[in-house]
Amino acid sequence: MPDPRCKRIFAALSEYLDGELPVKNCRELQRHLKGCQPCLAYLESLKTTIQACRKLRVKHVPKPSAVVRSALLQAVRKK
């Protein structure tokens, strides 16, 4: 049975990699990672995904469809 803290750790990994996690939480996360292979594997997978996304260069971003534009306008109007 995985450690019940894993779900919370998984949720905090993006903030951890972005340097946005408070120091106290970083220490807790690092302690957990030392003893949890599934969380460590997920962290490495997340790092690899982030690196791949940073290398991706989009040459042309298509205009949003009418449906997307309509949904965005509705969302903005609700605020």
PDB file of N, CA and C in Angstrom:
ATOM      1  N   MET A   1       0.860  -1.196   0.000  1.00  0.00           N
ATOM      2  CA  MET A   1       0.000   0.000   0.000  1.00  0.00           C
ATOM      3  C   MET A   1       0.893   1.242   0.000  1.00  0.00           C
ATOM      4  N   PRO A   2       0.684   2.159  -0.950  1.00  0.00           N
ATOM      5  CA  PRO A   2       1.521   3.365  -0.985  1.00  0.00           C
ATOM      6  C   PRO A   2       1.281   4.253   0.235  1.00  0.00           C
ATOM      7  N   ASP A   3       2.272   5.054   0.502  1.00  0.00           N
ATOM      8  CA  ASP A   3       2.200   6.008   1.597  1.00  0.00           C
ATOM      9  C   ASP A   3       1.027   6.962   1.343  1.00  0.00           C
ATOM     10  N   PRO A   4       0.175   7.198   2.337  1.00  0.00           N
ATOM     11  CA  PRO A   4      -0.973   8.102   2.125  1.00  0.00           C
ATOM     12  C   PRO A   4      -0.560   9.536   1.807  1.00  0.00           C
ATOM     13  N   ARG A   5       0.687   9.873   2.087  1.00  0.00           N
ATOM     14  CA  ARG A   5       1.157  11.230   1.775  1.00  0.00           C
ATOM     15  C   ARG A   5       1.445  11.414   0.286  1.00  0.00           C
ATOM     16  N   CYS A   6       1.543  10.313  -0.461  1.00  0.00           N
ATOM     17  CA  CYS A   6       1.931  10.390  -1.871  1.00  0.00           C
ATOM     18  C   CYS A   6       1.014  11.304  -2.687  1.00  0.00           C
ATOM     19  N   LYS A   7      -0.274  11.224  -2.465  1.00  0.00           N
ATOM     20  CA  LYS A   7      -1.217  12.058  -3.228  1.00  0.00           C
ATOM     21  C   LYS A   7      -0.911  13.542  -3.004  1.00  0.00           C
ATOM     22  N   ARG A   8      -0.644  13.904  -1.760  1.00  0.00           N
ATOM     23  CA  ARG A   8      -0.310  15.293  -1.436  1.00  0.00           C
ATOM     24  C   ARG A   8       1.039  15.678  -2.044  1.00  0.00           C
ATOM     25  N   ILE A   9       1.984  14.756  -2.016  1.00  0.00           N
ATOM     26  CA  ILE A   9       3.306  15.002  -2.594  1.00  0.00           C
ATOM     27  C   ILE A   9       3.189  15.195  -4.101  1.00  0.00           C
ATOM     28  N   PHE A  10       2.432  14.322  -4.771  1.00  0.00           N
ATOM     29  CA  PHE A  10       2.230  14.451  -6.213  1.00  0.00           C
ATOM     30  C   PHE A  10       1.684  15.834  -6.552  1.00  0.00           C
ATOM     31  N   ALA A  11       0.730  16.304  -5.770  1.00  0.00           N
ATOM     32  CA  ALA A  11       0.103  17.599  -6.032  1.00  0.00           C
ATOM     33  C   ALA A  11       1.080  18.759  -5.846  1.00  0.00           C
ATOM     34  N   ALA A  12       2.105  18.583  -5.014  1.00  0.00           N
ATOM     35  CA  ALA A  12       3.042  19.665  -4.710  1.00  0.00           C
ATOM     36  C   ALA A  12       4.278  19.671  -5.608  1.00  0.00           C
ATOM     37  N   LEU A  13       4.473  18.643  -6.412  1.00  0.00           N
ATOM     38  CA  LEU A  13       5.711  18.531  -7.181  1.00  0.00           C
ATOM     39  C   LEU A  13       5.908  19.655  -8.198  1.00  0.00           C
ATOM     40  N   SER A  14       4.865  20.104  -8.850  1.00  0.00           N
ATOM     41  CA  SER A  14       5.012  21.207  -9.815  1.00  0.00           C
ATOM     42  C   SER A  14       5.474  22.476  -9.117  1.00  0.00           C
ATOM     43  N   GLU A  15       4.864  22.775  -7.983  1.00  0.00           N
ATOM     44  CA  GLU A  15       5.284  23.951  -7.216  1.00  0.00           C
ATOM     45  C   GLU A  15       6.734  23.797  -6.753  1.00  0.00           C
ATOM     46  N   TYR A  16       7.095  22.590  -6.367  1.00  0.00           N
ATOM     47  CA  TYR A  16       8.455  22.306  -5.929  1.00  0.00           C
ATOM     48  C   TYR A  16       9.452  22.591  -7.055  1.00  0.00           C
ATOM     49  N   LEU A  17       9.169  22.076  -8.242  1.00  0.00           N
ATOM     50  CA  LEU A  17      10.064  22.287  -9.380  1.00  0.00           C
ATOM     51  C   LEU A  17      10.118  23.744  -9.815  1.00  0.00           C
ATOM     52  N   ASP A  18       9.027  24.470  -9.628  1.00  0.00           N
ATOM     53  CA  ASP A  18       8.974  25.887  -9.997  1.00  0.00           C
ATOM     54  C   ASP A  18       9.582  26.793  -8.934  1.00  0.00           C
ATOM     55  N   GLY A  19       9.982  26.209  -7.793  1.00  0.00           N
ATOM     56  CA  GLY A  19      10.552  27.011  -6.710  1.00  0.00           C
ATOM     57  C   GLY A  19       9.512  27.822  -5.973  1.00  0.00           C
ATOM     58  N   GLU A  20       8.258  27.398  -6.017  1.00  0.00           N
ATOM     59  CA  GLU A  20       7.164  28.143  -5.395  1.00  0.00           C
ATOM     60  C   GLU A  20       6.657  27.512  -4.107  1.00  0.00           C
ATOM     61  N   LEU A  21       7.255  26.401  -3.699  1.00  0.00           N
ATOM     62  CA  LEU A  21       6.821  25.703  -2.494  1.00  0.00           C
ATOM     63  C   LEU A  21       7.557  26.286  -1.285  1.00  0.00           C
ATOM     64  N   PRO A  22       6.847  26.584  -0.200  1.00  0.00           N
ATOM     65  CA  PRO A  22       7.513  27.113   0.997  1.00  0.00           C
ATOM     66  C   PRO A  22       8.607  26.162   1.489  1.00  0.00           C
ATOM     67  N   VAL A  23       9.640  26.715   2.108  1.00  0.00           N
ATOM     68  CA  VAL A  23      10.799  25.946   2.558  1.00  0.00           C
ATOM     69  C   VAL A  23      10.397  24.763   3.429  1.00  0.00           C
ATOM     70  N   LYS A  24       9.478  24.973   4.361  1.00  0.00           N
ATOM     71  CA  LYS A  24       9.040  23.894   5.246  1.00  0.00           C
ATOM     72  C   LYS A  24       8.487  22.725   4.434  1.00  0.00           C
ATOM     73  N   ASN A  25       7.666  23.040   3.447  1.00  0.00           N
ATOM     74  CA  ASN A  25       7.066  22.007   2.602  1.00  0.00           C
ATOM     75  C   ASN A  25       8.123  21.326   1.724  1.00  0.00           C
ATOM     76  N   CYS A  26       9.130  22.092   1.277  1.00  0.00           N
ATOM     77  CA  CYS A  26      10.215  21.513   0.485  1.00  0.00           C
ATOM     78  C   CYS A  26      10.965  20.464   1.288  1.00  0.00           C
ATOM     79  N   ARG A  27      11.247  20.777   2.525  1.00  0.00           N
ATOM     80  CA  ARG A  27      11.975  19.831   3.377  1.00  0.00           C
ATOM     81  C   ARG A  27      11.173  18.545   3.573  1.00  0.00           C
ATOM     82  N   GLU A  28       9.875  18.708   3.832  1.00  0.00           N
ATOM     83  CA  GLU A  28       9.007  17.545   4.014  1.00  0.00           C
ATOM     84  C   GLU A  28       8.973  16.703   2.734  1.00  0.00           C
ATOM     85  N   LEU A  29       8.838  17.372   1.604  1.00  0.00           N
ATOM     86  CA  LEU A  29       8.788  16.695   0.320  1.00  0.00           C
ATOM     87  C   LEU A  29      10.097  15.951   0.055  1.00  0.00           C
ATOM     88  N   GLN A  30      11.218  16.596   0.313  1.00  0.00           N
ATOM     89  CA  GLN A  30      12.519  15.969   0.087  1.00  0.00           C
ATOM     90  C   GLN A  30      12.720  14.746   0.981  1.00  0.00           C
ATOM     91  N   ARG A  31      12.280  14.834   2.220  1.00  0.00           N
ATOM     92  CA  ARG A  31      12.372  13.676   3.125  1.00  0.00           C
ATOM     93  C   ARG A  31      11.534  12.520   2.586  1.00  0.00           C
ATOM     94  N   HIS A  32      10.337  12.848   2.123  1.00  0.00           N
ATOM     95  CA  HIS A  32       9.450  11.825   1.584  1.00  0.00           C
ATOM     96  C   HIS A  32      10.067  11.165   0.349  1.00  0.00           C
ATOM     97  N   LEU A  33      10.640  11.973  -0.536  1.00  0.00           N
ATOM     98  CA  LEU A  33      11.209  11.450  -1.772  1.00  0.00           C
ATOM     99  C   LEU A  33      12.354  10.472  -1.514  1.00  0.00           C
ATOM    100  N   LYS A  34      13.095  10.678  -0.436  1.00  0.00           N
ATOM    101  CA  LYS A  34      14.215   9.777  -0.119  1.00  0.00           C
ATOM    102  C   LYS A  34      13.735   8.355   0.140  1.00  0.00           C
ATOM    103  N   GLY A  35      12.504   8.210   0.615  1.00  0.00           N
ATOM    104  CA  GLY A  35      12.014   6.885   0.952  1.00  0.00           C
ATOM    105  C   GLY A  35      10.872   6.385   0.087  1.00  0.00           C
ATOM    106  N   CYS A  36      10.555   7.094  -0.984  1.00  0.00           N
ATOM    107  CA  CYS A  36       9.391   6.696  -1.781  1.00  0.00           C
ATOM    108  C   CYS A  36       9.744   6.648  -3.266  1.00  0.00           C
ATOM    109  N   GLN A  37      10.012   5.467  -3.742  1.00  0.00           N
ATOM    110  CA  GLN A  37      10.404   5.279  -5.136  1.00  0.00           C
ATOM    111  C   GLN A  37       9.317   5.719  -6.126  1.00  0.00           C
ATOM    112  N   PRO A  38       8.020   5.434  -5.891  1.00  0.00           N
ATOM    113  CA  PRO A  38       6.994   5.894  -6.849  1.00  0.00           C
ATOM    114  C   PRO A  38       6.957   7.431  -6.987  1.00  0.00           C
ATOM    115  N   CYS A  39       7.085   8.141  -5.893  1.00  0.00           N
ATOM    116  CA  CYS A  39       7.072   9.610  -5.968  1.00  0.00           C
ATOM    117  C   CYS A  39       8.330  10.130  -6.656  1.00  0.00           C
ATOM    118  N   LEU A  40       9.462   9.505  -6.382  1.00  0.00           N
ATOM    119  CA  LEU A  40      10.705   9.900  -7.024  1.00  0.00           C
ATOM    120  C   LEU A  40      10.629   9.645  -8.534  1.00  0.00           C
ATOM    121  N   ALA A  41      10.065   8.523  -8.924  1.00  0.00           N
ATOM    122  CA  ALA A  41       9.898   8.217 -10.348  1.00  0.00           C
ATOM    123  C   ALA A  41       8.962   9.227 -11.007  1.00  0.00           C
ATOM    124  N   TYR A  42       7.902   9.601 -10.314  1.00  0.00           N
ATOM    125  CA  TYR A  42       6.968  10.590 -10.859  1.00  0.00           C
ATOM    126  C   TYR A  42       7.666  11.948 -11.016  1.00  0.00           C
ATOM    127  N   LEU A  43       8.487  12.325 -10.034  1.00  0.00           N
ATOM    128  CA  LEU A  43       9.231  13.580 -10.115  1.00  0.00           C
ATOM    129  C   LEU A  43      10.140  13.582 -11.341  1.00  0.00           C
ATOM    130  N   GLU A  44      10.862  12.490 -11.563  1.00  0.00           N
ATOM    131  CA  GLU A  44      11.753  12.407 -12.719  1.00  0.00           C
ATOM    132  C   GLU A  44      10.965  12.474 -14.022  1.00  0.00           C
ATOM    133  N   SER A  45       9.809  11.832 -14.060  1.00  0.00           N
ATOM    134  CA  SER A  45       8.947  11.883 -15.239  1.00  0.00           C
ATOM    135  C   SER A  45       8.461  13.313 -15.496  1.00  0.00           C
ATOM    136  N   LEU A  46       8.102  13.993 -14.442  1.00  0.00           N
ATOM    137  CA  LEU A  46       7.637  15.374 -14.557  1.00  0.00           C
ATOM    138  C   LEU A  46       8.761  16.284 -15.062  1.00  0.00           C
ATOM    139  N   LYS A  47       9.973  16.087 -14.565  1.00  0.00           N
ATOM    140  CA  LYS A  47      11.123  16.871 -15.033  1.00  0.00           C
ATOM    141  C   LYS A  47      11.347  16.654 -16.531  1.00  0.00           C
ATOM    142  N   THR A  48      11.276  15.402 -16.955  1.00  0.00           N
ATOM    143  CA  THR A  48      11.477  15.069 -18.371  1.00  0.00           C
ATOM    144  C   THR A  48      10.402  15.718 -19.239  1.00  0.00           C
ATOM    145  N   THR A  49       9.175  15.687 -18.777  1.00  0.00           N
ATOM    146  CA  THR A  49       8.063  16.295 -19.520  1.00  0.00           C
ATOM    147  C   THR A  49       8.253  17.802 -19.646  1.00  0.00           C
ATOM    148  N   ILE A  50       8.657  18.443 -18.568  1.00  0.00           N
ATOM    149  CA  ILE A  50       8.877  19.899 -18.584  1.00  0.00           C
ATOM    150  C   ILE A  50       9.990  20.246 -19.565  1.00  0.00           C
ATOM    151  N   GLN A  51      11.080  19.487 -19.543  1.00  0.00           N
ATOM    152  CA  GLN A  51      12.189  19.735 -20.474  1.00  0.00           C
ATOM    153  C   GLN A  51      11.740  19.575 -21.914  1.00  0.00           C
ATOM    154  N   ALA A  52      10.949  18.557 -22.193  1.00  0.00           N
ATOM    155  CA  ALA A  52      10.457  18.334 -23.555  1.00  0.00           C
ATOM    156  C   ALA A  52       9.564  19.485 -24.006  1.00  0.00           C
ATOM    157  N   CYS A  53       8.714  19.964 -23.123  1.00  0.00           N
ATOM    158  CA  CYS A  53       7.824  21.086 -23.464  1.00  0.00           C
ATOM    159  C   CYS A  53       8.608  22.361 -23.735  1.00  0.00           C
ATOM    160  N   ARG A  54       9.675  22.572 -22.994  1.00  0.00           N
ATOM    161  CA  ARG A  54      10.497  23.772 -23.200  1.00  0.00           C
ATOM    162  C   ARG A  54      11.212  23.736 -24.543  1.00  0.00           C
ATOM    163  N   LYS A  55      11.517  22.545 -25.038  1.00  0.00           N
ATOM    164  CA  LYS A  55      12.201  22.405 -26.322  1.00  0.00           C
ATOM    165  C   LYS A  55      11.236  22.558 -27.502  1.00  0.00           C
ATOM    166  N   LEU A  56       9.968  22.357 -27.265  1.00  0.00           N
ATOM    167  CA  LEU A  56       8.968  22.420 -28.319  1.00  0.00           C
ATOM    168  C   LEU A  56       8.803  23.853 -28.801  1.00  0.00           C
ATOM    169  N   ARG A  57       8.920  24.038 -30.078  1.00  0.00           N
ATOM    170  CA  ARG A  57       8.750  25.359 -30.680  1.00  0.00           C
ATOM    171  C   ARG A  57       7.542  25.322 -31.609  1.00  0.00           C
ATOM    172  N   VAL A  58       6.545  26.114 -31.300  1.00  0.00           N
ATOM    173  CA  VAL A  58       5.344  26.176 -32.125  1.00  0.00           C
ATOM    174  C   VAL A  58       5.537  27.319 -33.113  1.00  0.00           C
ATOM    175  N   LYS A  59       5.450  26.984 -34.393  1.00  0.00           N
ATOM    176  CA  LYS A  59       5.669  27.994 -35.423  1.00  0.00           C
ATOM    177  C   LYS A  59       4.430  28.818 -35.698  1.00  0.00           C
ATOM    178  N   HIS A  60       3.282  28.192 -35.562  1.00  0.00           N
ATOM    179  CA  HIS A  60       2.042  28.900 -35.873  1.00  0.00           C
ATOM    180  C   HIS A  60       0.948  28.423 -34.923  1.00  0.00           C
ATOM    181  N   VAL A  61       0.342  29.363 -34.253  1.00  0.00           N
ATOM    182  CA  VAL A  61      -0.781  29.034 -33.374  1.00  0.00           C
ATOM    183  C   VAL A  61      -2.053  29.419 -34.118  1.00  0.00           C
ATOM    184  N   PRO A  62      -2.902  28.457 -34.395  1.00  0.00           N
ATOM    185  CA  PRO A  62      -4.120  28.765 -35.147  1.00  0.00           C
ATOM    186  C   PRO A  62      -5.089  29.620 -34.328  1.00  0.00           C
ATOM    187  N   LYS A  63      -5.909  30.364 -35.038  1.00  0.00           N
ATOM    188  CA  LYS A  63      -6.936  31.160 -34.364  1.00  0.00           C
ATOM    189  C   LYS A  63      -7.930  30.218 -33.704  1.00  0.00           C
ATOM    190  N   PRO A  64      -8.471  30.621 -32.552  1.00  0.00           N
ATOM    191  CA  PRO A  64      -9.463  29.760 -31.898  1.00  0.00           C
ATOM    192  C   PRO A  64     -10.738  29.674 -32.739  1.00  0.00           C
ATOM    193  N   SER A  65     -11.398  28.554 -32.636  1.00  0.00           N
ATOM    194  CA  SER A  65     -12.647  28.357 -33.376  1.00  0.00           C
ATOM    195  C   SER A  65     -13.732  29.259 -32.805  1.00  0.00           C
ATOM    196  N   ALA A  66     -14.826  29.356 -33.526  1.00  0.00           N
ATOM    197  CA  ALA A  66     -15.959  30.169 -33.079  1.00  0.00           C
ATOM    198  C   ALA A  66     -16.490  29.673 -31.738  1.00  0.00           C
ATOM    199  N   VAL A  67     -16.502  28.364 -31.540  1.00  0.00           N
ATOM    200  CA  VAL A  67     -16.987  27.782 -30.286  1.00  0.00           C
ATOM    201  C   VAL A  67     -16.091  28.212 -29.127  1.00  0.00           C
ATOM    202  N   VAL A  68     -14.788  28.151 -29.344  1.00  0.00           N
ATOM    203  CA  VAL A  68     -13.833  28.536 -28.290  1.00  0.00           C
ATOM    204  C   VAL A  68     -13.941  30.032 -27.999  1.00  0.00           C
ATOM    205  N   ARG A  69     -14.020  30.855 -29.039  1.00  0.00           N
ATOM    206  CA  ARG A  69     -14.161  32.304 -28.834  1.00  0.00           C
ATOM    207  C   ARG A  69     -15.422  32.625 -28.046  1.00  0.00           C
ATOM    208  N   SER A  70     -16.508  31.961 -28.381  1.00  0.00           N
ATOM    209  CA  SER A  70     -17.775  32.175 -27.685  1.00  0.00           C
ATOM    210  C   SER A  70     -17.667  31.787 -26.207  1.00  0.00           C
ATOM    211  N   ALA A  71     -17.052  30.657 -25.953  1.00  0.00           N
ATOM    212  CA  ALA A  71     -16.887  30.205 -24.565  1.00  0.00           C
ATOM    213  C   ALA A  71     -16.010  31.168 -23.776  1.00  0.00           C
ATOM    214  N   LEU A  72     -14.951  31.670 -24.389  1.00  0.00           N
ATOM    215  CA  LEU A  72     -14.082  32.640 -23.711  1.00  0.00           C
ATOM    216  C   LEU A  72     -14.825  33.934 -23.395  1.00  0.00           C
ATOM    217  N   LEU A  73     -15.598  34.401 -24.362  1.00  0.00           N
ATOM    218  CA  LEU A  73     -16.373  35.621 -24.132  1.00  0.00           C
ATOM    219  C   LEU A  73     -17.373  35.440 -22.995  1.00  0.00           C
ATOM    220  N   GLN A  74     -18.029  34.294 -22.959  1.00  0.00           N
ATOM    221  CA  GLN A  74     -18.981  34.029 -21.888  1.00  0.00           C
ATOM    222  C   GLN A  74     -18.269  33.979 -20.523  1.00  0.00           C
ATOM    223  N   ALA A  75     -17.106  33.380 -20.492  1.00  0.00           N
ATOM    224  CA  ALA A  75     -16.353  33.285 -19.239  1.00  0.00           C
ATOM    225  C   ALA A  75     -15.930  34.664 -18.756  1.00  0.00           C
ATOM    226  N   VAL A  76     -15.505  35.520 -19.685  1.00  0.00           N
ATOM    227  CA  VAL A  76     -15.081  36.876 -19.321  1.00  0.00           C
ATOM    228  C   VAL A  76     -16.257  37.699 -18.830  1.00  0.00           C
ATOM    229  N   ARG A  77     -17.392  37.552 -19.452  1.00  0.00           N
ATOM    230  CA  ARG A  77     -18.581  38.312 -19.069  1.00  0.00           C
ATOM    231  C   ARG A  77     -19.085  37.935 -17.661  1.00  0.00           C
ATOM    232  N   LYS A  78     -18.849  36.684 -17.251  1.00  0.00           N
ATOM    233  CA  LYS A  78     -19.301  36.234 -15.931  1.00  0.00           C
ATOM    234  C   LYS A  78     -18.495  36.869 -14.806  1.00  0.00           C
ATOM    235  N   LYS A  79     -17.308  37.328 -15.105  1.00  0.00           N
ATOM    236  CA  LYS A  79     -16.456  37.910 -14.056  1.00  0.00           C
ATOM    237  C   LYS A  79     -16.848  39.283 -13.743  1.00  0.00           C
TER     238      LYS A  79
END
